[in-house]
Amino acid sequence: MNNKRWKSSDETSSSLYYHILWCVKYKRELLVNDVKKRLEELLYNRAKEIDIIIVSMEIMPECVHLFVKANPEDSPHFIVQQFKGCSSKTLREEFLQLRTKIPTLWTRNYYVSSSGVLNESEINTYLESQKDK
């Protein structure tokens, strides 16, 4: 895990965090034991490949919660697509029960919420203070 507060490139400095949640199709409780362990490995590997930092992860039997640090070039939709796509394909190839119990591993839906170092009230206070300058 990278504890640096900011991600920087030649053009930008950013502090973008997303809370991402998605569920197993029909909320079936399939993310247990070896499936859960393998999913965790797949998500960490994919995050490294696409230069996303997983700050924290909670895999529950029917859903996945991630808190990630992202690059400004990567939309939340892209990040979710990468995680869901690679994990579904691999898990369904490796675990037969995931092909026989449900037609697809993940629902089409997901939840995303953005977060940063500053909260809404701090940003509003800063913006208000700029009026007087």
N, C-alpha and C. Protein backbone atom coordinates (compact mmCIF):
# COMPACT_ATOMS: atom_id res chain seq x y z
N MET A 1 0.84 -1.17 0.00
CA MET A 1 0.00 0.00 0.00
C MET A 1 0.89 1.24 0.00
N ASN A 2 0.53 2.21 -0.82
CA ASN A 2 1.25 3.46 -0.93
C ASN A 2 0.58 4.49 -0.03
N ASN A 3 1.33 5.06 0.89
CA ASN A 3 0.75 6.01 1.84
C ASN A 3 0.93 7.46 1.42
N LYS A 4 1.53 7.73 0.25
CA LYS A 4 1.66 9.11 -0.19
C LYS A 4 0.29 9.73 -0.35
N ARG A 5 0.17 10.97 0.07
CA ARG A 5 -1.11 11.66 0.04
C ARG A 5 -1.52 12.03 -1.38
N TRP A 6 -0.55 12.38 -2.23
CA TRP A 6 -0.82 12.85 -3.58
C TRP A 6 -0.23 11.89 -4.60
N LYS A 7 -0.89 11.81 -5.76
CA LYS A 7 -0.33 11.13 -6.92
C LYS A 7 0.08 12.23 -7.88
N SER A 8 1.27 12.16 -8.44
CA SER A 8 1.76 13.22 -9.31
C SER A 8 2.29 12.66 -10.62
N SER A 9 2.13 13.47 -11.66
CA SER A 9 2.73 13.22 -12.96
C SER A 9 3.32 14.54 -13.42
N ASP A 10 3.78 14.62 -14.66
CA ASP A 10 4.33 15.87 -15.17
C ASP A 10 3.27 16.97 -15.22
N GLU A 11 2.02 16.59 -15.47
CA GLU A 11 0.96 17.57 -15.66
C GLU A 11 0.07 17.81 -14.44
N THR A 12 -0.03 16.84 -13.54
CA THR A 12 -1.03 16.95 -12.48
C THR A 12 -0.51 16.49 -11.12
N SER A 13 -1.16 16.99 -10.11
CA SER A 13 -1.07 16.43 -8.77
C SER A 13 -2.51 16.20 -8.36
N SER A 14 -2.78 15.06 -7.80
CA SER A 14 -4.17 14.75 -7.47
C SER A 14 -4.25 13.93 -6.19
N SER A 15 -5.44 13.97 -5.64
CA SER A 15 -5.77 13.16 -4.48
C SER A 15 -7.21 12.69 -4.69
N LEU A 16 -7.37 11.67 -5.52
CA LEU A 16 -8.69 11.15 -5.86
C LEU A 16 -8.87 9.77 -5.24
N TYR A 17 -9.91 9.65 -4.46
CA TYR A 17 -10.23 8.37 -3.84
C TYR A 17 -11.67 8.02 -4.22
N TYR A 18 -11.91 6.73 -4.42
CA TYR A 18 -13.26 6.26 -4.72
C TYR A 18 -13.61 5.09 -3.81
N HIS A 19 -14.82 5.12 -3.29
CA HIS A 19 -15.40 3.95 -2.63
C HIS A 19 -16.24 3.27 -3.70
N ILE A 20 -15.93 2.04 -3.98
CA ILE A 20 -16.60 1.29 -5.05
C ILE A 20 -17.22 0.03 -4.44
N LEU A 21 -18.44 -0.26 -4.87
CA LEU A 21 -19.16 -1.44 -4.39
C LEU A 21 -19.87 -2.08 -5.56
N TRP A 22 -19.77 -3.40 -5.67
CA TRP A 22 -20.58 -4.15 -6.63
C TRP A 22 -20.93 -5.50 -6.05
N CYS A 23 -21.98 -6.11 -6.60
CA CYS A 23 -22.54 -7.34 -6.02
C CYS A 23 -22.50 -8.51 -6.99
N VAL A 24 -22.57 -9.68 -6.39
CA VAL A 24 -22.72 -10.92 -7.15
C VAL A 24 -24.15 -10.94 -7.71
N LYS A 25 -24.31 -11.48 -8.90
CA LYS A 25 -25.63 -11.60 -9.52
C LYS A 25 -26.58 -12.31 -8.55
N TYR A 26 -27.77 -11.79 -8.43
CA TYR A 26 -28.83 -12.30 -7.53
C TYR A 26 -28.40 -12.30 -6.06
N LYS A 27 -27.34 -11.56 -5.74
CA LYS A 27 -26.82 -11.48 -4.36
C LYS A 27 -26.54 -12.86 -3.77
N ARG A 28 -26.12 -13.78 -4.61
CA ARG A 28 -25.75 -15.11 -4.12
C ARG A 28 -24.47 -15.01 -3.30
N GLU A 29 -24.39 -15.77 -2.26
CA GLU A 29 -23.24 -15.73 -1.36
C GLU A 29 -22.17 -16.71 -1.85
N LEU A 30 -21.43 -16.29 -2.88
CA LEU A 30 -20.45 -17.15 -3.53
C LEU A 30 -19.00 -16.75 -3.28
N LEU A 31 -18.78 -15.59 -2.70
CA LEU A 31 -17.43 -15.09 -2.49
C LEU A 31 -16.90 -15.53 -1.13
N VAL A 32 -16.66 -16.82 -1.02
CA VAL A 32 -16.20 -17.40 0.24
C VAL A 32 -15.00 -18.32 -0.03
N ASN A 33 -14.25 -18.59 1.01
CA ASN A 33 -13.13 -19.53 0.99
C ASN A 33 -12.16 -19.26 -0.15
N ASP A 34 -11.90 -20.26 -1.01
CA ASP A 34 -10.91 -20.12 -2.08
C ASP A 34 -11.31 -19.08 -3.12
N VAL A 35 -12.59 -18.92 -3.37
CA VAL A 35 -13.06 -17.92 -4.33
C VAL A 35 -12.71 -16.52 -3.80
N LYS A 36 -12.94 -16.30 -2.53
CA LYS A 36 -12.63 -15.00 -1.91
C LYS A 36 -11.13 -14.72 -1.98
N LYS A 37 -10.31 -15.70 -1.63
CA LYS A 37 -8.85 -15.53 -1.66
C LYS A 37 -8.37 -15.23 -3.07
N ARG A 38 -8.89 -15.97 -4.04
CA ARG A 38 -8.47 -15.75 -5.43
C ARG A 38 -8.93 -14.39 -5.94
N LEU A 39 -10.13 -13.97 -5.59
CA LEU A 39 -10.63 -12.67 -6.00
C LEU A 39 -9.74 -11.56 -5.44
N GLU A 40 -9.35 -11.67 -4.20
CA GLU A 40 -8.47 -10.67 -3.60
C GLU A 40 -7.16 -10.57 -4.39
N GLU A 41 -6.56 -11.72 -4.72
CA GLU A 41 -5.33 -11.73 -5.52
C GLU A 41 -5.54 -11.05 -6.87
N LEU A 42 -6.62 -11.41 -7.54
CA LEU A 42 -6.91 -10.84 -8.86
C LEU A 42 -7.08 -9.33 -8.81
N LEU A 43 -7.78 -8.84 -7.80
CA LEU A 43 -8.01 -7.40 -7.69
C LEU A 43 -6.71 -6.64 -7.41
N TYR A 44 -5.88 -7.16 -6.52
CA TYR A 44 -4.60 -6.51 -6.25
C TYR A 44 -3.70 -6.53 -7.50
N ASN A 45 -3.69 -7.66 -8.21
CA ASN A 45 -2.87 -7.74 -9.43
C ASN A 45 -3.35 -6.76 -10.49
N ARG A 46 -4.67 -6.69 -10.69
CA ARG A 46 -5.20 -5.78 -11.71
C ARG A 46 -4.96 -4.33 -11.31
N ALA A 47 -5.09 -4.01 -10.04
CA ALA A 47 -4.82 -2.65 -9.57
C ALA A 47 -3.39 -2.24 -9.90
N LYS A 48 -2.46 -3.15 -9.66
CA LYS A 48 -1.05 -2.86 -9.97
C LYS A 48 -0.87 -2.63 -11.46
N GLU A 49 -1.52 -3.44 -12.29
CA GLU A 49 -1.40 -3.32 -13.74
C GLU A 49 -1.92 -1.98 -14.26
N ILE A 50 -2.98 -1.47 -13.66
CA ILE A 50 -3.59 -0.22 -14.16
C ILE A 50 -3.21 0.98 -13.30
N ASP A 51 -2.24 0.80 -12.40
CA ASP A 51 -1.71 1.87 -11.57
C ASP A 51 -2.78 2.51 -10.68
N ILE A 52 -3.56 1.66 -10.04
CA ILE A 52 -4.55 2.08 -9.05
C ILE A 52 -4.10 1.51 -7.71
N ILE A 53 -4.25 2.26 -6.65
CA ILE A 53 -3.85 1.77 -5.33
C ILE A 53 -5.10 1.38 -4.55
N ILE A 54 -5.14 0.13 -4.12
CA ILE A 54 -6.24 -0.32 -3.25
C ILE A 54 -5.84 0.03 -1.82
N VAL A 55 -6.54 0.99 -1.26
CA VAL A 55 -6.27 1.44 0.10
C VAL A 55 -6.85 0.43 1.08
N SER A 56 -8.07 -0.01 0.82
CA SER A 56 -8.67 -1.06 1.63
C SER A 56 -9.67 -1.84 0.79
N MET A 57 -9.91 -3.07 1.23
CA MET A 57 -10.79 -3.98 0.50
C MET A 57 -11.56 -4.82 1.51
N GLU A 58 -12.83 -5.00 1.25
CA GLU A 58 -13.66 -5.92 2.05
C GLU A 58 -14.46 -6.77 1.08
N ILE A 59 -14.18 -8.05 1.08
CA ILE A 59 -14.94 -8.98 0.24
C ILE A 59 -15.90 -9.73 1.14
N MET A 60 -17.17 -9.47 0.92
CA MET A 60 -18.23 -10.13 1.67
C MET A 60 -18.77 -11.27 0.80
N PRO A 61 -19.53 -12.19 1.35
CA PRO A 61 -20.00 -13.33 0.55
C PRO A 61 -20.78 -12.95 -0.71
N GLU A 62 -21.47 -11.78 -0.70
CA GLU A 62 -22.29 -11.40 -1.85
C GLU A 62 -21.86 -10.10 -2.52
N CYS A 63 -20.82 -9.42 -2.00
CA CYS A 63 -20.42 -8.17 -2.63
C CYS A 63 -18.96 -7.81 -2.32
N VAL A 64 -18.47 -6.83 -3.07
CA VAL A 64 -17.10 -6.36 -2.94
C VAL A 64 -17.12 -4.86 -2.64
N HIS A 65 -16.37 -4.44 -1.62
CA HIS A 65 -16.18 -3.02 -1.31
C HIS A 65 -14.70 -2.71 -1.50
N LEU A 66 -14.41 -1.68 -2.27
CA LEU A 66 -13.03 -1.23 -2.44
C LEU A 66 -12.94 0.25 -2.11
N PHE A 67 -11.84 0.65 -1.53
CA PHE A 67 -11.52 2.05 -1.38
C PHE A 67 -10.19 2.22 -2.09
N VAL A 68 -10.19 2.98 -3.20
CA VAL A 68 -9.02 3.06 -4.05
C VAL A 68 -8.54 4.49 -4.23
N LYS A 69 -7.25 4.63 -4.48
CA LYS A 69 -6.65 5.90 -4.87
C LYS A 69 -6.42 5.80 -6.36
N ALA A 70 -6.93 6.79 -7.11
CA ALA A 70 -6.93 6.70 -8.56
C ALA A 70 -6.17 7.85 -9.21
N ASN A 71 -5.90 7.67 -10.48
CA ASN A 71 -5.31 8.71 -11.31
C ASN A 71 -6.41 9.56 -11.92
N PRO A 72 -6.16 10.85 -12.17
CA PRO A 72 -7.21 11.68 -12.75
C PRO A 72 -7.60 11.26 -14.16
N GLU A 73 -6.74 10.52 -14.85
CA GLU A 73 -7.04 10.07 -16.21
C GLU A 73 -8.03 8.90 -16.23
N ASP A 74 -8.18 8.22 -15.10
CA ASP A 74 -9.01 7.01 -15.04
C ASP A 74 -10.37 7.33 -14.44
N SER A 75 -11.41 7.15 -15.24
CA SER A 75 -12.76 7.38 -14.74
C SER A 75 -13.17 6.25 -13.79
N PRO A 76 -14.09 6.53 -12.90
CA PRO A 76 -14.59 5.46 -12.03
C PRO A 76 -15.15 4.28 -12.84
N HIS A 77 -15.84 4.59 -13.95
CA HIS A 77 -16.39 3.53 -14.78
C HIS A 77 -15.29 2.63 -15.33
N PHE A 78 -14.19 3.22 -15.79
CA PHE A 78 -13.06 2.44 -16.29
C PHE A 78 -12.50 1.53 -15.20
N ILE A 79 -12.33 2.06 -14.00
CA ILE A 79 -11.77 1.29 -12.89
C ILE A 79 -12.66 0.09 -12.56
N VAL A 80 -13.96 0.34 -12.44
CA VAL A 80 -14.90 -0.74 -12.13
C VAL A 80 -14.89 -1.79 -13.24
N GLN A 81 -14.90 -1.33 -14.48
CA GLN A 81 -14.88 -2.22 -15.63
C GLN A 81 -13.66 -3.14 -15.59
N GLN A 82 -12.51 -2.57 -15.27
CA GLN A 82 -11.28 -3.36 -15.20
C GLN A 82 -11.36 -4.42 -14.09
N PHE A 83 -11.81 -4.03 -12.92
CA PHE A 83 -11.88 -4.97 -11.81
C PHE A 83 -12.92 -6.06 -12.05
N LYS A 84 -14.10 -5.67 -12.47
CA LYS A 84 -15.17 -6.66 -12.67
C LYS A 84 -14.86 -7.58 -13.84
N GLY A 85 -14.34 -7.01 -14.92
CA GLY A 85 -14.07 -7.81 -16.12
C GLY A 85 -13.02 -8.88 -15.92
N CYS A 86 -11.88 -8.50 -15.40
CA CYS A 86 -10.80 -9.48 -15.24
C CYS A 86 -11.15 -10.52 -14.18
N SER A 87 -11.81 -10.10 -13.11
CA SER A 87 -12.11 -11.05 -12.04
C SER A 87 -13.20 -12.04 -12.46
N SER A 88 -14.21 -11.57 -13.16
CA SER A 88 -15.28 -12.46 -13.59
C SER A 88 -14.76 -13.55 -14.53
N LYS A 89 -14.01 -13.14 -15.52
CA LYS A 89 -13.48 -14.09 -16.50
C LYS A 89 -12.63 -15.17 -15.83
N THR A 90 -11.69 -14.74 -15.01
CA THR A 90 -10.77 -15.69 -14.37
C THR A 90 -11.47 -16.58 -13.36
N LEU A 91 -12.30 -16.00 -12.50
CA LEU A 91 -12.98 -16.81 -11.48
C LEU A 91 -13.91 -17.83 -12.11
N ARG A 92 -14.62 -17.44 -13.16
CA ARG A 92 -15.53 -18.39 -13.81
C ARG A 92 -14.77 -19.51 -14.54
N GLU A 93 -13.56 -19.23 -14.98
CA GLU A 93 -12.73 -20.28 -15.58
C GLU A 93 -12.20 -21.24 -14.51
N GLU A 94 -11.86 -20.72 -13.36
CA GLU A 94 -11.21 -21.52 -12.32
C GLU A 94 -12.17 -22.22 -11.36
N PHE A 95 -13.40 -21.73 -11.22
CA PHE A 95 -14.35 -22.30 -10.27
C PHE A 95 -15.65 -22.67 -10.99
N LEU A 96 -15.85 -23.95 -11.23
CA LEU A 96 -17.01 -24.45 -11.98
C LEU A 96 -18.33 -23.99 -11.37
N GLN A 97 -18.43 -23.94 -10.04
CA GLN A 97 -19.70 -23.57 -9.41
C GLN A 97 -20.13 -22.16 -9.78
N LEU A 98 -19.21 -21.31 -10.19
CA LEU A 98 -19.57 -19.94 -10.58
C LEU A 98 -20.16 -19.89 -11.99
N ARG A 99 -19.97 -20.95 -12.76
CA ARG A 99 -20.59 -21.02 -14.10
C ARG A 99 -21.94 -21.72 -14.05
N THR A 100 -22.14 -22.59 -13.07
CA THR A 100 -23.36 -23.38 -13.05
C THR A 100 -24.48 -22.78 -12.19
N LYS A 101 -24.12 -21.92 -11.25
CA LYS A 101 -25.14 -21.37 -10.33
C LYS A 101 -25.77 -20.08 -10.84
N ILE A 102 -25.03 -19.30 -11.65
CA ILE A 102 -25.52 -18.02 -12.12
C ILE A 102 -25.04 -17.76 -13.56
N PRO A 103 -25.81 -17.00 -14.36
CA PRO A 103 -25.43 -16.78 -15.76
C PRO A 103 -24.21 -15.87 -15.92
N THR A 104 -24.03 -14.90 -15.05
CA THR A 104 -22.85 -14.04 -15.00
C THR A 104 -22.48 -13.86 -13.55
N LEU A 105 -21.23 -13.53 -13.30
CA LEU A 105 -20.80 -13.42 -11.91
C LEU A 105 -21.32 -12.14 -11.25
N TRP A 106 -21.18 -11.01 -11.93
CA TRP A 106 -21.52 -9.73 -11.32
C TRP A 106 -22.80 -9.14 -11.90
N THR A 107 -23.48 -8.34 -11.09
CA THR A 107 -24.60 -7.56 -11.61
C THR A 107 -24.03 -6.48 -12.53
N ARG A 108 -24.86 -5.86 -13.34
CA ARG A 108 -24.40 -4.76 -14.19
C ARG A 108 -24.16 -3.50 -13.37
N ASN A 109 -24.84 -3.39 -12.26
CA ASN A 109 -24.79 -2.18 -11.44
C ASN A 109 -23.54 -2.13 -10.59
N TYR A 110 -23.22 -0.91 -10.17
CA TYR A 110 -22.20 -0.71 -9.16
C TYR A 110 -22.47 0.63 -8.50
N TYR A 111 -21.85 0.84 -7.35
CA TYR A 111 -21.96 2.10 -6.61
C TYR A 111 -20.57 2.71 -6.56
N VAL A 112 -20.48 4.01 -6.75
CA VAL A 112 -19.20 4.70 -6.58
C VAL A 112 -19.44 6.04 -5.90
N SER A 113 -18.54 6.37 -5.00
CA SER A 113 -18.58 7.65 -4.31
C SER A 113 -17.16 8.19 -4.31
N SER A 114 -17.03 9.48 -4.62
CA SER A 114 -15.69 10.06 -4.64
C SER A 114 -15.34 10.62 -3.26
N SER A 115 -14.05 10.70 -3.03
CA SER A 115 -13.56 11.21 -1.76
C SER A 115 -12.21 11.85 -2.03
N GLY A 116 -11.81 12.72 -1.14
CA GLY A 116 -10.51 13.36 -1.26
C GLY A 116 -9.99 13.73 0.10
N VAL A 117 -8.90 14.45 0.10
CA VAL A 117 -8.30 14.86 1.36
C VAL A 117 -9.18 15.90 2.06
N LEU A 118 -9.75 16.79 1.26
CA LEU A 118 -10.61 17.84 1.83
C LEU A 118 -12.06 17.42 1.79
N ASN A 119 -12.80 17.78 2.82
CA ASN A 119 -14.23 17.50 2.80
C ASN A 119 -14.99 18.72 2.27
N GLU A 120 -16.27 18.58 2.08
CA GLU A 120 -17.10 19.62 1.48
C GLU A 120 -17.02 20.94 2.26
N SER A 121 -17.08 20.86 3.55
CA SER A 121 -17.08 22.09 4.36
C SER A 121 -15.73 22.80 4.25
N GLU A 122 -14.64 22.07 4.21
CA GLU A 122 -13.32 22.69 4.06
C GLU A 122 -13.18 23.38 2.71
N ILE A 123 -13.70 22.76 1.65
CA ILE A 123 -13.65 23.36 0.32
C ILE A 123 -14.49 24.63 0.29
N ASN A 124 -15.70 24.58 0.85
CA ASN A 124 -16.56 25.77 0.89
C ASN A 124 -15.91 26.91 1.67
N THR A 125 -15.29 26.60 2.78
CA THR A 125 -14.60 27.61 3.57
C THR A 125 -13.48 28.24 2.76
N TYR A 126 -12.71 27.43 2.08
CA TYR A 126 -11.63 27.93 1.24
C TYR A 126 -12.17 28.85 0.14
N LEU A 127 -13.21 28.41 -0.54
CA LEU A 127 -13.78 29.21 -1.63
C LEU A 127 -14.33 30.54 -1.13
N GLU A 128 -14.97 30.50 0.02
CA GLU A 128 -15.47 31.74 0.61
C GLU A 128 -14.33 32.70 0.94
N SER A 129 -13.23 32.16 1.42
CA SER A 129 -12.09 33.01 1.78
C SER A 129 -11.45 33.66 0.55
N GLN A 130 -11.64 33.07 -0.62
CA GLN A 130 -11.07 33.62 -1.85
C GLN A 130 -11.80 34.89 -2.32
N LYS A 131 -13.04 35.07 -1.90
CA LYS A 131 -13.81 36.25 -2.30
C LYS A 131 -13.16 37.54 -1.81
N ASP A 132 -12.53 37.48 -0.65
CA ASP A 132 -11.97 38.67 -0.03
C ASP A 132 -10.59 39.03 -0.58
N LYS A 133 -10.06 38.23 -1.44
CA LYS A 133 -8.70 38.49 -1.95
C LYS A 133 -8.72 39.29 -3.22
